[in-house]
Amino acid sequence: MLEAELFALFERTADAAYAVTDQGEICFWNGAAERLFGHAAEEVLHRSIDEVLEAHDALGTSALAGGAEAAARQWDGAPGGIPTFDLCVRTRSGALIWVGVSTIVFDNRRTGHRLFMRLARDVTQTRRQAELFGRAQEAARQLLALVDDAPHHAPVSPLSEQECRILKLFAAGRNSTAIARQLDISPQTLRNHLHHINQKLRTRTRLEAVTHAQQRGLLG
């Protein structure tokens, strides 16, 4: 009776909700879970949650969807319960999404059964934005490192007018195709110029060359 009341309570929640035993067997699956994961309740009830979702966390750890490992993680009656965590899961269509999972633990003292009610919300976009922000921070860090290091690298020989012109166009955001077309040179000739520029500036990439040339005032 207690479990039926519990399931009725979570049936209409906006978050995907599912319940598993401490062995990971699915015993409840609401309509929001059907919409998020693509599996109908009748397809997943009494199956292993790990088999259904093929889930893993950011470290690649398996069984975090509902098996014994996840059930016991930082639980054992400890204050605060099981912490919220993110899972990468595979939907019925085969798509991979990230979901943030919260857990509510229910102990039925009468039967001795323990249930883990999981509330899941799609956090795929949030994680992607965080990853992009992290990449941008790393690119900025590398760029600053190049700027700080620039005074220690003097050019071997001066850049030609054409080489300066090419670096200015790259600094302005032009791509290789547009620059080759504007200067009326072939892509291979442009690559040759870039090779010579990197040799003269003792740089390895186009970004380094543009940054170093700007810091040295070589682009006017």
Protein backbone atom coordinates (compact mmCIF):
# COMPACT_ATOMS: atom_id res chain seq x y z
CA MET A 1 0.00 0.00 0.00
CA LEU A 2 2.83 2.36 0.90
CA GLU A 3 4.57 1.77 -2.42
CA ALA A 4 1.34 2.33 -4.37
CA GLU A 5 0.83 5.67 -2.63
CA LEU A 6 4.44 6.59 -3.28
CA PHE A 7 4.17 5.80 -6.98
CA ALA A 8 0.90 7.74 -7.27
CA LEU A 9 2.67 10.75 -5.74
CA PHE A 10 5.41 10.73 -8.38
CA GLU A 11 3.25 9.76 -11.35
CA ARG A 12 2.47 13.35 -12.29
CA THR A 13 5.79 15.01 -11.50
CA ALA A 14 7.30 17.09 -14.33
CA ASP A 15 10.66 15.36 -13.82
CA ALA A 16 11.28 11.88 -15.12
CA ALA A 17 10.79 9.59 -12.14
CA TYR A 18 11.59 5.93 -11.78
CA ALA A 19 12.08 3.59 -8.84
CA VAL A 20 14.51 0.71 -8.54
CA THR A 21 15.23 -1.91 -5.93
CA ASP A 22 18.68 -2.19 -4.42
CA GLN A 23 19.37 -4.80 -7.13
CA GLY A 24 18.53 -2.25 -9.83
CA GLU A 25 15.18 -3.75 -10.87
CA ILE A 26 12.76 -1.15 -12.22
CA CYS A 27 9.48 -1.14 -10.32
CA PHE A 28 8.11 2.29 -11.30
CA TRP A 29 8.41 4.44 -14.42
CA ASN A 30 6.30 7.58 -14.87
CA GLY A 31 5.07 9.34 -17.99
CA ALA A 32 7.86 11.94 -17.89
CA ALA A 33 10.41 9.09 -17.87
CA GLU A 34 8.70 7.67 -20.96
CA ARG A 35 9.06 11.01 -22.73
CA LEU A 36 12.66 11.62 -21.67
CA PHE A 37 14.09 8.15 -22.26
CA GLY A 38 11.70 6.96 -24.97
CA HIS A 39 10.84 3.67 -23.24
CA ALA A 40 7.22 2.91 -22.32
CA ALA A 41 6.63 1.66 -18.78
CA GLU A 42 5.50 -1.77 -19.95
CA GLU A 43 8.81 -2.17 -21.81
CA VAL A 44 11.03 -1.58 -18.81
CA LEU A 45 9.22 -2.73 -15.65
CA HIS A 46 11.06 -5.58 -13.87
CA ARG A 47 14.13 -5.10 -16.07
CA SER A 48 17.55 -3.92 -14.89
CA ILE A 49 17.89 -0.13 -15.06
CA ASP A 50 21.50 -0.50 -16.22
CA GLU A 51 20.40 -2.71 -19.10
CA VAL A 52 17.73 -0.21 -20.14
CA LEU A 53 19.76 3.00 -19.94
CA GLU A 54 23.34 1.73 -20.48
CA ALA A 55 24.37 4.54 -18.17
CA HIS A 56 27.76 5.78 -17.06
CA ASP A 57 28.93 8.86 -15.21
CA ALA A 58 31.54 11.44 -16.23
CA LEU A 59 34.33 9.10 -15.16
CA GLY A 60 32.94 6.21 -17.18
CA THR A 61 31.79 4.28 -14.11
CA SER A 62 29.02 1.82 -14.87
CA ALA A 63 26.08 0.74 -12.68
CA LEU A 64 25.31 4.25 -11.45
CA ALA A 65 21.81 4.12 -12.85
CA GLY A 66 20.45 1.97 -10.10
CA GLY A 67 22.49 -1.09 -9.24
CA ALA A 68 23.83 -2.02 -5.85
CA GLU A 69 26.95 0.13 -6.31
CA ALA A 70 24.91 3.26 -6.86
CA ALA A 71 22.40 2.40 -4.18
CA ALA A 72 25.06 2.16 -1.52
CA ARG A 73 27.15 5.10 -2.69
CA GLN A 74 27.54 7.50 0.25
CA TRP A 75 24.31 6.20 1.71
CA ASP A 76 24.29 3.61 4.51
CA GLY A 77 22.09 5.97 6.50
CA ALA A 78 24.59 8.81 6.35
CA PRO A 79 23.22 12.35 6.74
CA GLY A 80 22.45 13.97 3.42
CA GLY A 81 21.73 10.70 1.63
CA ILE A 82 22.98 9.98 -1.85
CA PRO A 83 24.39 13.09 -3.56
CA THR A 84 23.03 14.31 -6.86
CA PHE A 85 25.07 13.12 -9.84
CA ASP A 86 25.06 13.32 -13.66
CA LEU A 87 24.66 10.31 -15.90
CA CYS A 88 25.14 9.81 -19.62
CA VAL A 89 22.32 7.53 -20.79
CA ARG A 90 21.21 6.03 -24.08
CA THR A 91 17.59 6.67 -25.04
CA ARG A 92 15.40 4.20 -26.90
CA SER A 93 16.26 5.95 -30.19
CA GLY A 94 19.97 5.41 -29.52
CA ALA A 95 20.74 9.06 -28.69
CA LEU A 96 23.11 9.82 -25.83
CA ILE A 97 21.95 12.46 -23.36
CA TRP A 98 23.11 13.68 -19.96
CA VAL A 99 20.67 13.71 -17.06
CA GLY A 100 21.03 15.11 -13.56
CA VAL A 101 19.80 12.51 -11.07
CA SER A 102 18.51 13.06 -7.54
CA THR A 103 17.71 10.18 -5.24
CA ILE A 104 15.14 9.68 -2.51
CA VAL A 105 15.58 6.51 -0.45
CA PHE A 106 12.54 4.76 1.02
CA ASP A 107 12.82 1.98 3.58
CA ASN A 108 9.70 -0.10 4.10
CA ARG A 109 10.19 -1.33 7.62
CA ARG A 110 7.20 -3.66 7.33
CA THR A 111 8.57 -5.59 4.38
CA GLY A 112 12.25 -4.81 4.82
CA HIS A 113 12.46 -3.62 1.21
CA ARG A 114 14.41 -0.54 0.17
CA LEU A 115 13.45 1.51 -2.86
CA PHE A 116 15.43 4.19 -4.61
CA MET A 117 13.25 6.81 -6.26
CA ARG A 118 15.22 8.63 -8.91
CA LEU A 119 14.26 12.02 -10.37
CA ALA A 120 16.02 12.79 -13.65
CA ARG A 121 16.23 15.99 -15.70
CA ASP A 122 17.90 16.56 -19.07
CA VAL A 123 21.12 18.56 -18.52
CA THR A 124 22.71 17.87 -21.92
CA GLN A 125 22.67 21.50 -23.05
CA THR A 126 24.00 22.75 -19.72
CA ARG A 127 26.92 20.33 -19.85
CA ARG A 128 27.71 21.27 -23.45
CA GLN A 129 27.74 24.94 -22.55
CA ALA A 130 30.04 24.20 -19.61
CA GLU A 131 32.38 22.22 -21.86
CA LEU A 132 32.48 25.03 -24.43
CA PHE A 133 33.20 27.56 -21.68
CA GLY A 134 36.00 25.34 -20.39
CA ARG A 135 37.52 25.10 -23.86
CA ALA A 136 37.31 28.87 -24.28
CA GLN A 137 39.07 29.35 -20.93
CA GLU A 138 41.83 26.96 -21.98
CA ALA A 139 42.26 28.73 -25.32
CA ALA A 140 42.49 32.07 -23.51
CA ARG A 141 45.06 30.64 -21.10
CA GLN A 142 47.19 29.38 -23.99
CA LEU A 143 46.90 32.70 -25.77
CA LEU A 144 48.02 34.58 -22.65
CA ALA A 145 50.94 32.19 -22.30
CA LEU A 146 51.96 32.99 -25.87
CA VAL A 147 51.68 36.72 -25.20
CA ASP A 148 53.78 36.46 -22.04
CA ASP A 149 56.38 34.43 -23.87
CA ALA A 150 56.56 36.64 -26.97
CA PRO A 151 59.42 38.98 -25.92
CA HIS A 152 61.77 36.00 -25.62
CA HIS A 153 61.48 35.09 -29.30
CA ALA A 154 63.00 37.54 -31.76
CA PRO A 155 62.42 36.91 -35.45
CA VAL A 156 65.28 35.33 -37.32
CA SER A 157 64.76 37.69 -40.24
CA PRO A 158 62.25 40.41 -41.17
CA LEU A 159 58.93 39.47 -42.68
CA SER A 160 58.29 40.35 -46.31
CA GLU A 161 55.44 42.67 -47.28
CA GLN A 162 53.43 39.71 -48.52
CA GLU A 163 53.98 37.79 -45.28
CA CYS A 164 52.87 40.80 -43.22
CA ARG A 165 49.86 41.19 -45.47
CA ILE A 166 48.92 37.53 -44.90
CA LEU A 167 49.25 37.80 -41.12
CA LYS A 168 47.14 40.96 -41.08
CA LEU A 169 44.39 39.19 -42.98
CA PHE A 170 44.48 36.23 -40.59
CA ALA A 171 44.41 38.65 -37.64
CA ALA A 172 41.30 40.24 -39.18
CA GLY A 173 39.54 36.89 -39.09
CA ARG A 174 39.86 35.89 -42.75
CA ASN A 175 40.16 32.19 -43.56
CA SER A 176 42.74 30.60 -45.82
CA THR A 177 40.43 30.34 -48.84
CA ALA A 178 39.44 34.01 -48.68
CA ILE A 179 43.03 35.16 -48.25
CA ALA A 180 44.30 33.09 -51.18
CA ARG A 181 41.53 34.48 -53.36
CA GLN A 182 42.14 38.09 -52.27
CA LEU A 183 45.89 37.88 -52.85
CA ASP A 184 45.40 35.90 -56.08
CA ILE A 185 47.67 33.08 -54.95
CA SER A 186 47.14 29.34 -54.76
CA PRO A 187 46.42 27.55 -51.45
CA GLN A 188 49.81 25.84 -51.73
CA THR A 189 51.56 29.19 -52.12
CA LEU A 190 49.73 30.43 -49.02
CA ARG A 191 50.87 27.35 -47.10
CA ASN A 192 54.44 28.03 -48.22
CA HIS A 193 54.20 31.61 -46.93
CA LEU A 194 52.90 30.37 -43.58
CA HIS A 195 55.76 27.90 -43.34
CA HIS A 196 58.30 30.66 -43.92
CA ILE A 197 56.53 32.96 -41.45
CA ASN A 198 56.69 30.31 -38.71
CA GLN A 199 60.35 29.74 -39.45
CA LYS A 200 61.14 33.45 -39.17
CA LEU A 201 59.12 33.99 -36.00
CA ARG A 202 60.13 30.67 -34.43
CA THR A 203 56.48 29.80 -34.02
CA ARG A 204 54.63 26.56 -34.70
CA THR A 205 51.09 27.56 -35.62
CA ARG A 206 49.25 30.33 -37.40
CA LEU A 207 47.74 31.53 -34.09
CA GLU A 208 51.19 31.79 -32.51
CA ALA A 209 52.54 33.65 -35.52
CA VAL A 210 49.72 36.22 -35.52
CA THR A 211 49.97 36.72 -31.75
CA HIS A 212 53.75 37.11 -31.74
CA ALA A 213 53.75 39.44 -34.74
CA GLN A 214 51.13 41.66 -33.09
CA GLN A 215 53.05 41.80 -29.82
CA ARG A 216 56.25 42.76 -31.64
CA GLY A 217 54.49 45.45 -33.61
CA LEU A 218 55.37 43.80 -36.90
CA LEU A 219 51.91 44.29 -38.42
CA GLY A 220 51.86 48.06 -38.17
